[in-house]
Amino acid sequence: MKNSISLPESVQQILDRFQQHGYEAYVVGGCIRDVLLHKTPSDWDFCTSANPDEILQCFADCKTIAVGKAYGTICVNWKSVWYEITTFRTESEYADYRRPSQVTFTTSLYEDLKRRDFTINAMAYHPQIGILDPFDGKLDLEKRIIRCVGNPEDRFQEDALRILRALRFASAYTCSLSQETNDAVFHHVNLLDSVAKERMCVEWTKLLCGSSCAVILQRYAAVVAHQFPTLQETIQNAPEWQAICERVAHVLPIPSIRWAAFCSVLGENAIGLLQQLRFSKQDQKNILRLVRLCQQPVLAEQSDLLRKMHQYGKEAVGDWLQMQLTSSSNQETVLQAIAQYKKIIADQICYTIKDMQICGNDLLAIGIPNGPAIGTCLNQLLEAVICGRVHNQRSELLQYAEAHYASSDTPNLMKY
């Protein structure tokens, strides 16, 4: 692997600013890992010998956020982009399996790298020096190994979320865990009970969206079972669990779609798992729509697709069909359904009440009583449009409503 990295101009300028003020500074962590894996870093983080007050002085002409100052972290807005800059530090006495009780600032880059989670994240870089890699992170990347820095027992007790991060990196980068790290994962799985659900949700989502998620989900089924008791019975059935893992891996790596594939075996009980991980109400709704659709057969009939689009939404049905494309045994029907779905979209075929060329006031004008009867009539007219009994044209819809309108004491309102 290469020892030099091409830095964005703004990143180089930040390093230069520190050098001008007489401080050491390096880009550090995941951005180095991503570059070595030929991926574009989502962000660039810095570590420096400057203490937090000195960082603020160096960037006195910039917007800054000092919310993490006690832990040595200052956010700096440079050229309209926010960067996280952290003083070299050591940590000790982790009281809650997450936060260090004591942070000590240091001038040693080595001591700072030694506190990090995995060797692949414990590398730093400066253009004048090259990559600083005291724990052989580059070699582990080449061998596709996730290895804790130092003793994995200590690393996981410091921050229990690192257990899931290890699995997430293995899934994302097609890696295996070192033997010591692997053993510590199983030994300390109970520590995950202390981790905030929101933090775990982020890691599980990234794990499920990884290219090797099927392998990791099967290899660490015991971790999955510990986290999600509702899946324990399924996991005990090895062939069924393997099929679920492979289904997850084969659908598009979009969070809602991967979670729906993961939860589909639970049906309506999937809501408990989603609530456990503190998914937002909207995310729960989106995933449950897909889970419910996964319980239904794929039909290539236009009317069936229109009903599904009315009930679950256009986007959900589109995502569901893509899921079926990689998991259904009846590919010919799925392809026909996808073609029919695309035609519905292209031709703007009506599948919602708001798209009908008639409204409640039109029904009031022909004598349908105000109240629930209006909604019932509109729904029945929509069904007539979906079934092809009437065209979505105002005159036809009014004529159809008048012809089929029954007296107000008729429970179903309209007679077909």
Protein backbone atom coordinates (compact mmCIF):
# COMPACT_ATOMS: atom_id res chain seq x y z
CA MET A 1 0.00 0.00 0.00
CA LYS A 2 1.12 3.54 -0.75
CA ASN A 3 2.74 5.75 1.87
CA SER A 4 1.67 9.10 0.39
CA ILE A 5 -1.84 10.49 0.21
CA SER A 6 -3.29 13.21 -2.00
CA LEU A 7 -5.02 15.62 0.36
CA PRO A 8 -7.81 18.05 -0.52
CA GLU A 9 -6.55 21.62 -0.63
CA SER A 10 -8.55 22.68 2.44
CA VAL A 11 -7.16 19.77 4.48
CA GLN A 12 -3.62 20.72 3.53
CA GLN A 13 -4.33 24.33 4.49
CA ILE A 14 -5.41 23.29 7.99
CA LEU A 15 -2.19 21.30 8.45
CA ASP A 16 -0.23 24.31 7.22
CA ARG A 17 -2.01 26.58 9.69
CA PHE A 18 -0.90 24.40 12.61
CA GLN A 19 2.66 24.23 11.29
CA GLN A 20 2.77 28.02 11.01
CA HIS A 21 1.85 28.24 14.69
CA GLY A 22 4.47 25.68 15.71
CA TYR A 23 2.24 22.68 16.44
CA GLU A 24 2.22 19.10 15.19
CA ALA A 25 -0.93 18.10 13.32
CA TYR A 26 -1.98 15.07 11.30
CA VAL A 27 -5.03 13.73 9.53
CA VAL A 28 -6.02 10.63 11.44
CA GLY A 29 -8.29 7.61 11.67
CA GLY A 30 -10.94 6.51 9.22
CA CYS A 31 -9.96 8.92 6.44
CA ILE A 32 -6.53 7.22 6.18
CA ARG A 33 -8.19 3.81 6.14
CA ASP A 34 -10.62 4.84 3.40
CA VAL A 35 -7.92 6.31 1.17
CA LEU A 36 -5.85 3.13 1.46
CA LEU A 37 -8.96 1.17 0.46
CA HIS A 38 -9.39 3.48 -2.57
CA LYS A 39 -12.57 4.97 -1.10
CA THR A 40 -13.40 8.66 -0.81
CA PRO A 41 -13.44 9.68 2.87
CA SER A 42 -16.75 11.06 4.08
CA ASP A 43 -14.81 13.43 6.34
CA TRP A 44 -11.26 14.30 7.39
CA ASP A 45 -10.39 14.34 11.08
CA PHE A 46 -7.29 15.87 12.65
CA CYS A 47 -5.22 15.29 15.76
CA THR A 48 -2.72 17.82 17.07
CA SER A 49 -0.26 18.64 19.83
CA ALA A 50 -2.12 21.94 20.34
CA ASN A 51 -4.43 21.97 23.35
CA PRO A 52 -8.08 23.06 22.88
CA ASP A 53 -7.40 26.71 23.74
CA GLU A 54 -4.46 26.75 21.35
CA ILE A 55 -6.63 25.25 18.60
CA LEU A 56 -9.14 28.06 19.14
CA GLN A 57 -6.31 30.61 18.93
CA CYS A 58 -5.02 29.07 15.69
CA PHE A 59 -8.46 29.41 14.12
CA ALA A 60 -9.60 32.63 15.77
CA ASP A 61 -10.69 33.90 12.35
CA CYS A 62 -13.01 30.90 11.81
CA LYS A 63 -16.32 29.76 13.22
CA THR A 64 -15.71 27.14 15.90
CA ILE A 65 -17.75 24.87 18.17
CA ALA A 66 -16.16 23.94 21.48
CA VAL A 67 -18.86 21.57 22.74
CA GLY A 68 -16.29 18.75 23.03
CA LYS A 69 -13.59 20.91 24.55
CA ALA A 70 -13.39 18.89 27.77
CA TYR A 71 -12.40 15.87 25.68
CA GLY A 72 -10.02 17.90 23.54
CA THR A 73 -12.25 18.25 20.49
CA ILE A 74 -12.93 21.51 18.65
CA CYS A 75 -14.99 21.73 15.47
CA VAL A 76 -13.63 24.29 13.00
CA ASN A 77 -15.44 25.67 9.98
CA TRP A 78 -12.83 26.04 7.25
CA LYS A 79 -13.93 27.14 3.77
CA SER A 80 -17.57 26.39 4.69
CA VAL A 81 -16.81 22.80 5.76
CA TRP A 82 -16.75 21.62 9.38
CA TYR A 83 -13.70 19.66 10.53
CA GLU A 84 -13.16 17.89 13.85
CA ILE A 85 -9.79 18.61 15.47
CA THR A 86 -8.73 16.82 18.64
CA THR A 87 -5.76 17.30 20.94
CA PHE A 88 -3.45 14.30 21.44
CA ARG A 89 -4.87 12.59 24.52
CA THR A 90 -4.88 9.52 26.71
CA GLU A 91 -7.94 8.07 28.41
CA SER A 92 -8.57 6.06 31.55
CA GLU A 93 -11.27 4.83 33.94
CA TYR A 94 -14.19 4.11 31.64
CA ALA A 95 -17.13 4.12 34.04
CA ASP A 96 -20.07 3.32 31.75
CA TYR A 97 -18.51 1.28 28.93
CA ARG A 98 -18.51 4.40 26.80
CA ARG A 99 -17.03 7.61 28.20
CA PRO A 100 -13.64 7.94 29.86
CA SER A 101 -13.81 9.33 33.38
CA GLN A 102 -10.43 10.94 32.86
CA VAL A 103 -8.88 12.50 29.75
CA THR A 104 -5.28 13.68 29.82
CA PHE A 105 -3.86 15.83 27.05
CA THR A 106 -0.43 14.80 25.80
CA THR A 107 2.12 15.84 23.21
CA SER A 108 2.67 12.24 22.05
CA LEU A 109 1.02 11.09 18.84
CA TYR A 110 1.84 7.48 19.74
CA GLU A 111 -0.07 7.73 23.02
CA ASP A 112 -3.03 9.20 21.15
CA LEU A 113 -3.08 6.42 18.54
CA LYS A 114 -2.73 3.77 21.27
CA ARG A 115 -6.15 4.65 22.71
CA ARG A 116 -8.01 4.01 19.43
CA ASP A 117 -10.23 1.04 18.70
CA PHE A 118 -8.72 -0.89 15.78
CA THR A 119 -5.35 -0.90 14.06
CA ILE A 120 -6.94 0.12 10.75
CA ASN A 121 -8.17 3.30 12.48
CA ALA A 122 -4.93 4.01 14.35
CA MET A 123 -2.95 5.59 11.53
CA ALA A 124 -2.00 9.23 11.03
CA TYR A 125 -0.60 11.14 8.07
CA HIS A 126 1.34 14.28 7.28
CA PRO A 127 2.66 14.99 3.77
CA GLN A 128 6.17 15.73 5.04
CA ILE A 129 6.35 12.50 7.07
CA GLY A 130 4.09 9.99 5.37
CA ILE A 131 1.83 7.49 7.07
CA LEU A 132 2.57 6.86 10.74
CA ASP A 133 1.40 3.34 11.54
CA PRO A 134 2.76 2.08 14.88
CA PHE A 135 0.26 -0.82 15.12
CA ASP A 136 0.54 -2.21 11.57
CA GLY A 137 -2.87 -1.05 10.44
CA LYS A 138 -1.77 -1.06 6.78
CA LEU A 139 -0.74 -4.70 7.03
CA ASP A 140 -4.06 -5.61 8.63
CA LEU A 141 -5.88 -3.80 5.82
CA GLU A 142 -3.90 -5.76 3.24
CA LYS A 143 -4.77 -9.01 5.03
CA ARG A 144 -8.35 -7.85 5.60
CA ILE A 145 -8.12 -8.29 9.38
CA ILE A 146 -9.96 -6.30 12.04
CA ARG A 147 -7.70 -6.23 15.10
CA CYS A 148 -8.06 -4.21 18.28
CA VAL A 149 -5.22 -1.93 19.28
CA GLY A 150 -3.63 -3.67 22.25
CA ASN A 151 -5.79 -5.97 24.37
CA PRO A 152 -9.31 -6.39 22.88
CA GLU A 153 -10.70 -7.20 26.32
CA ASP A 154 -9.67 -3.69 27.42
CA ARG A 155 -10.89 -2.00 24.25
CA PHE A 156 -14.39 -3.53 24.51
CA GLN A 157 -14.70 -2.72 28.21
CA GLU A 158 -13.73 0.88 27.46
CA ASP A 159 -16.49 1.25 24.86
CA ALA A 160 -18.81 -1.72 24.36
CA LEU A 161 -20.05 -0.32 21.03
CA ARG A 162 -16.68 -1.36 19.60
CA ILE A 163 -18.03 -4.92 19.53
CA LEU A 164 -20.56 -3.91 16.89
CA ARG A 165 -18.08 -1.63 15.16
CA ALA A 166 -15.76 -4.61 14.69
CA LEU A 167 -18.56 -6.55 13.00
CA ARG A 168 -19.59 -3.51 10.98
CA PHE A 169 -16.09 -3.00 9.59
CA ALA A 170 -15.82 -6.71 8.81
CA SER A 171 -19.10 -6.51 6.90
CA ALA A 172 -18.23 -3.29 5.06
CA TYR A 173 -14.67 -4.22 4.06
CA THR A 174 -14.96 -8.01 3.72
CA CYS A 175 -12.65 -8.66 6.65
CA SER A 176 -12.21 -11.28 9.35
CA LEU A 177 -11.60 -10.55 13.01
CA SER A 178 -8.26 -11.53 14.51
CA GLN A 179 -8.55 -14.54 16.80
CA GLU A 180 -8.12 -12.44 19.96
CA THR A 181 -10.67 -9.86 18.81
CA ASN A 182 -13.08 -12.58 17.73
CA ASP A 183 -12.88 -14.33 21.12
CA ALA A 184 -13.40 -11.06 22.97
CA VAL A 185 -16.55 -10.32 20.93
CA PHE A 186 -18.22 -13.50 22.16
CA HIS A 187 -16.84 -13.14 25.68
CA HIS A 188 -18.14 -9.59 26.14
CA VAL A 189 -21.38 -9.66 24.14
CA ASN A 190 -23.32 -8.91 27.36
CA LEU A 191 -21.66 -5.49 27.50
CA LEU A 192 -23.87 -4.43 24.59
CA ASP A 193 -26.76 -4.25 27.06
CA SER A 194 -25.23 -1.03 28.39
CA VAL A 195 -24.99 0.72 25.01
CA ALA A 196 -27.51 3.37 23.99
CA LYS A 197 -30.00 1.92 21.50
CA GLU A 198 -29.57 4.85 19.11
CA ARG A 199 -25.82 4.21 18.87
CA MET A 200 -26.42 0.52 18.22
CA CYS A 201 -28.97 1.31 15.51
CA VAL A 202 -26.33 3.23 13.55
CA GLU A 203 -23.85 0.34 13.71
CA TRP A 204 -26.41 -2.35 12.89
CA THR A 205 -27.58 -0.34 9.90
CA LYS A 206 -24.03 0.00 8.55
CA LEU A 207 -23.43 -3.70 9.19
CA LEU A 208 -26.57 -4.70 7.27
CA CYS A 209 -25.59 -2.45 4.37
CA GLY A 210 -22.11 -3.98 4.14
CA SER A 211 -21.13 -6.15 1.18
CA SER A 212 -20.28 -9.10 3.45
CA CYS A 213 -23.24 -8.83 5.81
CA ALA A 214 -24.46 -12.38 5.07
CA VAL A 215 -21.18 -13.90 6.22
CA ILE A 216 -20.98 -11.74 9.35
CA LEU A 217 -24.61 -12.29 10.34
CA GLN A 218 -24.13 -16.04 10.14
CA ARG A 219 -20.69 -16.11 11.77
CA TYR A 220 -21.88 -13.94 14.66
CA ALA A 221 -25.41 -15.31 14.95
CA ALA A 222 -24.94 -15.50 18.73
CA VAL A 223 -24.48 -11.72 18.84
CA VAL A 224 -27.60 -11.21 16.71
CA ALA A 225 -29.59 -13.55 18.96
CA HIS A 226 -28.41 -11.70 22.06
CA GLN A 227 -29.40 -8.34 20.61
CA PHE A 228 -32.70 -9.46 19.08
CA PRO A 229 -34.37 -12.19 21.19
CA THR A 230 -37.37 -12.30 18.82
CA LEU A 231 -35.04 -13.78 16.17
CA GLN A 232 -33.61 -16.53 18.39
CA GLU A 233 -35.99 -19.23 17.15
CA THR A 234 -35.25 -18.33 13.54
CA ILE A 235 -31.50 -18.30 14.14
CA GLN A 236 -31.65 -21.78 15.65
CA ASN A 237 -32.99 -23.02 12.31
CA ALA A 238 -29.68 -22.82 10.41
CA PRO A 239 -31.08 -23.18 6.84
CA GLU A 240 -33.77 -20.55 7.49
CA TRP A 241 -31.26 -18.14 9.04
CA GLN A 242 -28.86 -18.63 6.14
CA ALA A 243 -31.67 -17.85 3.69
CA ILE A 244 -32.52 -14.63 5.54
CA CYS A 245 -28.88 -13.53 5.66
CA GLU A 246 -28.47 -14.15 1.95
CA ARG A 247 -31.70 -12.30 1.19
CA VAL A 248 -30.42 -9.27 3.12
CA ALA A 249 -27.14 -9.33 1.19
CA HIS A 250 -28.84 -9.59 -2.20
CA VAL A 251 -31.21 -6.61 -1.96
CA LEU A 252 -30.13 -3.04 -2.60
CA PRO A 253 -27.86 -1.65 0.16
CA ILE A 254 -30.43 0.95 1.19
CA PRO A 255 -31.12 1.00 4.95
CA SER A 256 -34.91 0.66 4.82
CA ILE A 257 -34.71 -2.16 2.27
CA ARG A 258 -31.99 -4.08 4.15
CA TRP A 259 -33.86 -3.74 7.44
CA ALA A 260 -37.10 -4.93 5.81
CA ALA A 261 -35.34 -8.01 4.46
CA PHE A 262 -33.80 -8.61 7.89
CA CYS A 263 -37.14 -8.21 9.72
CA SER A 264 -39.45 -9.80 7.16
CA VAL A 265 -39.58 -13.14 8.98
CA LEU A 266 -41.10 -11.37 12.01
CA GLY A 267 -44.07 -9.94 10.12
CA GLU A 268 -46.02 -7.50 12.30
CA ASN A 269 -43.74 -8.33 15.25
CA ALA A 270 -40.97 -6.43 13.46
CA ILE A 271 -42.31 -3.28 15.12
CA GLY A 272 -40.89 -4.45 18.46
CA LEU A 273 -37.38 -4.78 17.02
CA LEU A 274 -37.58 -1.37 15.36
CA GLN A 275 -38.82 0.26 18.55
CA GLN A 276 -36.07 -1.46 20.51
CA LEU A 277 -33.47 0.32 18.36
CA ARG A 278 -35.28 3.66 18.68
CA PHE A 279 -36.02 4.06 14.99
CA SER A 280 -37.91 7.24 14.21
CA LYS A 281 -41.66 6.92 13.64
CA GLN A 282 -41.19 7.62 9.94
CA ASP A 283 -38.44 5.02 9.56
CA GLN A 284 -40.58 2.47 11.39
CA LYS A 285 -43.46 3.24 9.03
CA ASN A 286 -41.29 2.91 5.91
CA ILE A 287 -39.73 -0.39 6.99
CA LEU A 288 -43.03 -1.90 8.14
CA ARG A 289 -44.61 -1.08 4.78
CA LEU A 290 -41.94 -3.17 3.08
CA VAL A 291 -42.25 -5.96 5.66
CA ARG A 292 -46.00 -6.14 5.03
CA LEU A 293 -45.53 -6.11 1.28
CA CYS A 294 -43.03 -8.96 1.63
CA GLN A 295 -45.83 -11.10 3.08
CA GLN A 296 -47.83 -10.73 -0.14
CA PRO A 297 -47.51 -12.47 -3.50
CA VAL A 298 -46.19 -10.70 -6.57
CA LEU A 299 -48.84 -10.35 -9.26
CA ALA A 300 -48.30 -8.71 -12.62
CA GLU A 301 -51.86 -7.40 -12.77
CA GLN A 302 -52.22 -3.65 -13.02
CA SER A 303 -55.14 -3.54 -10.58
CA ASP A 304 -53.18 -5.42 -7.90
CA LEU A 305 -50.23 -3.04 -8.20
CA LEU A 306 -52.53 0.00 -8.11
CA ARG A 307 -54.14 -1.24 -4.89
CA LYS A 308 -50.73 -1.81 -3.32
CA MET A 309 -49.56 1.64 -4.41
CA HIS A 310 -52.69 3.17 -2.91
CA GLN A 311 -52.23 1.33 0.38
CA TYR A 312 -48.44 1.47 0.81
CA GLY A 313 -47.26 4.26 -1.48
CA LYS A 314 -45.49 4.39 -4.82
CA GLU A 315 -41.95 4.36 -3.38
CA ALA A 316 -42.60 1.40 -1.08
CA VAL A 317 -44.00 -0.70 -3.92
CA GLY A 318 -41.03 0.18 -6.13
CA ASP A 319 -38.58 -0.84 -3.39
CA TRP A 320 -40.54 -4.03 -2.72
CA LEU A 321 -40.41 -5.04 -6.38
CA GLN A 322 -36.64 -4.50 -6.40
CA MET A 323 -36.40 -6.73 -3.34
CA GLN A 324 -38.42 -9.42 -5.10
CA LEU A 325 -36.15 -9.19 -8.12
CA THR A 326 -33.32 -10.66 -6.06
CA SER A 327 -35.28 -13.02 -3.80
CA SER A 328 -38.38 -14.33 -5.59
CA SER A 329 -38.31 -17.70 -7.28
CA ASN A 330 -40.74 -16.48 -9.95
CA GLN A 331 -38.52 -13.99 -11.76
CA GLU A 332 -40.69 -13.84 -14.88
CA THR A 333 -43.69 -12.59 -12.90
CA VAL A 334 -41.53 -10.09 -11.01
CA LEU A 335 -40.14 -8.68 -14.26
CA GLN A 336 -43.66 -8.38 -15.66
CA ALA A 337 -44.78 -6.62 -12.47
CA ILE A 338 -41.86 -4.19 -12.69
CA ALA A 339 -42.72 -3.40 -16.30
CA GLN A 340 -46.33 -2.85 -15.31
CA TYR A 341 -45.24 -0.62 -12.39
CA LYS A 342 -43.09 1.51 -14.71
CA LYS A 343 -46.03 1.86 -17.11
CA ILE A 344 -48.28 3.03 -14.28
CA ILE A 345 -45.74 5.70 -13.38
CA ALA A 346 -45.11 6.76 -16.99
CA ASP A 347 -48.81 6.92 -17.89
CA GLN A 348 -49.71 8.62 -14.58
CA ILE A 349 -52.47 6.11 -13.96
CA CYS A 350 -54.67 7.06 -11.02
CA TYR A 351 -54.21 5.13 -7.77
CA THR A 352 -55.11 7.72 -5.10
CA ILE A 353 -58.27 9.66 -4.32
CA LYS A 354 -56.46 12.98 -4.76
CA ASP A 355 -55.62 11.99 -8.35
CA MET A 356 -59.27 11.34 -9.25
CA GLN A 357 -61.03 13.91 -11.43
CA ILE A 358 -63.79 14.28 -8.85
CA CYS A 359 -63.99 15.53 -5.30
CA GLY A 360 -66.34 15.55 -2.32
CA ASN A 361 -68.09 18.73 -3.39
CA ASP A 362 -69.01 17.06 -6.69
CA LEU A 363 -70.65 14.22 -4.77
CA LEU A 364 -72.50 16.63 -2.49
CA ALA A 365 -73.88 18.34 -5.60
CA ILE A 366 -75.49 15.11 -6.81
CA GLY A 367 -77.12 14.46 -3.47
CA ILE A 368 -74.75 12.24 -1.56
CA PRO A 369 -75.09 13.25 2.10
CA ASN A 370 -72.22 15.00 3.84
CA GLY A 371 -70.19 12.99 6.31
CA PRO A 372 -68.65 9.50 6.16
CA ALA A 373 -70.71 8.65 3.07
CA ILE A 374 -68.57 11.01 0.99
CA GLY A 375 -65.34 9.23 1.94
CA THR A 376 -66.92 5.83 1.39
CA CYS A 377 -68.16 6.86 -2.03
CA LEU A 378 -64.76 8.27 -3.06
CA ASN A 379 -63.03 5.04 -2.02
CA GLN A 380 -65.52 2.97 -3.97
CA LEU A 381 -65.10 5.18 -7.01
CA LEU A 382 -61.34 4.76 -6.77
CA GLU A 383 -61.78 0.99 -6.67
CA ALA A 384 -63.97 1.22 -9.77
CA VAL A 385 -61.22 3.20 -11.53
CA ILE A 386 -58.56 0.70 -10.45
CA CYS A 387 -60.66 -2.22 -11.68
CA GLY A 388 -61.31 -0.49 -15.00
CA ARG A 389 -65.07 -0.23 -14.57
CA VAL A 390 -64.91 3.51 -15.16
CA HIS A 391 -62.36 5.92 -16.59
CA ASN A 392 -60.83 8.63 -14.42
CA GLN A 393 -62.82 11.37 -16.12
CA ARG A 394 -65.08 13.74 -14.23
CA SER A 395 -68.22 13.25 -16.33
CA GLU A 396 -67.91 9.44 -16.25
CA LEU A 397 -67.25 9.40 -12.52
CA LEU A 398 -70.29 11.59 -11.79
CA GLN A 399 -72.47 9.48 -14.06
CA TYR A 400 -71.19 6.31 -12.42
CA ALA A 401 -71.80 7.68 -8.93
CA GLU A 402 -75.36 8.74 -9.79
CA ALA A 403 -76.13 5.40 -11.42
CA HIS A 404 -74.85 3.37 -8.50
CA TYR A 405 -75.89 5.63 -5.64
CA ALA A 406 -78.19 3.86 -3.23
CA SER A 407 -80.38 5.29 -0.49
CA SER A 408 -78.65 6.57 2.64
CA ASP A 409 -79.86 3.59 4.63
CA THR A 410 -77.83 1.22 2.43
CA PRO A 411 -74.72 0.30 4.47
CA ASN A 412 -72.37 -0.04 1.49
CA LEU A 413 -73.69 3.16 -0.11
CA MET A 414 -73.03 2.01 -3.68
CA LYS A 415 -74.27 -1.07 -5.45
CA TYR A 416 -72.19 -2.79 -8.09
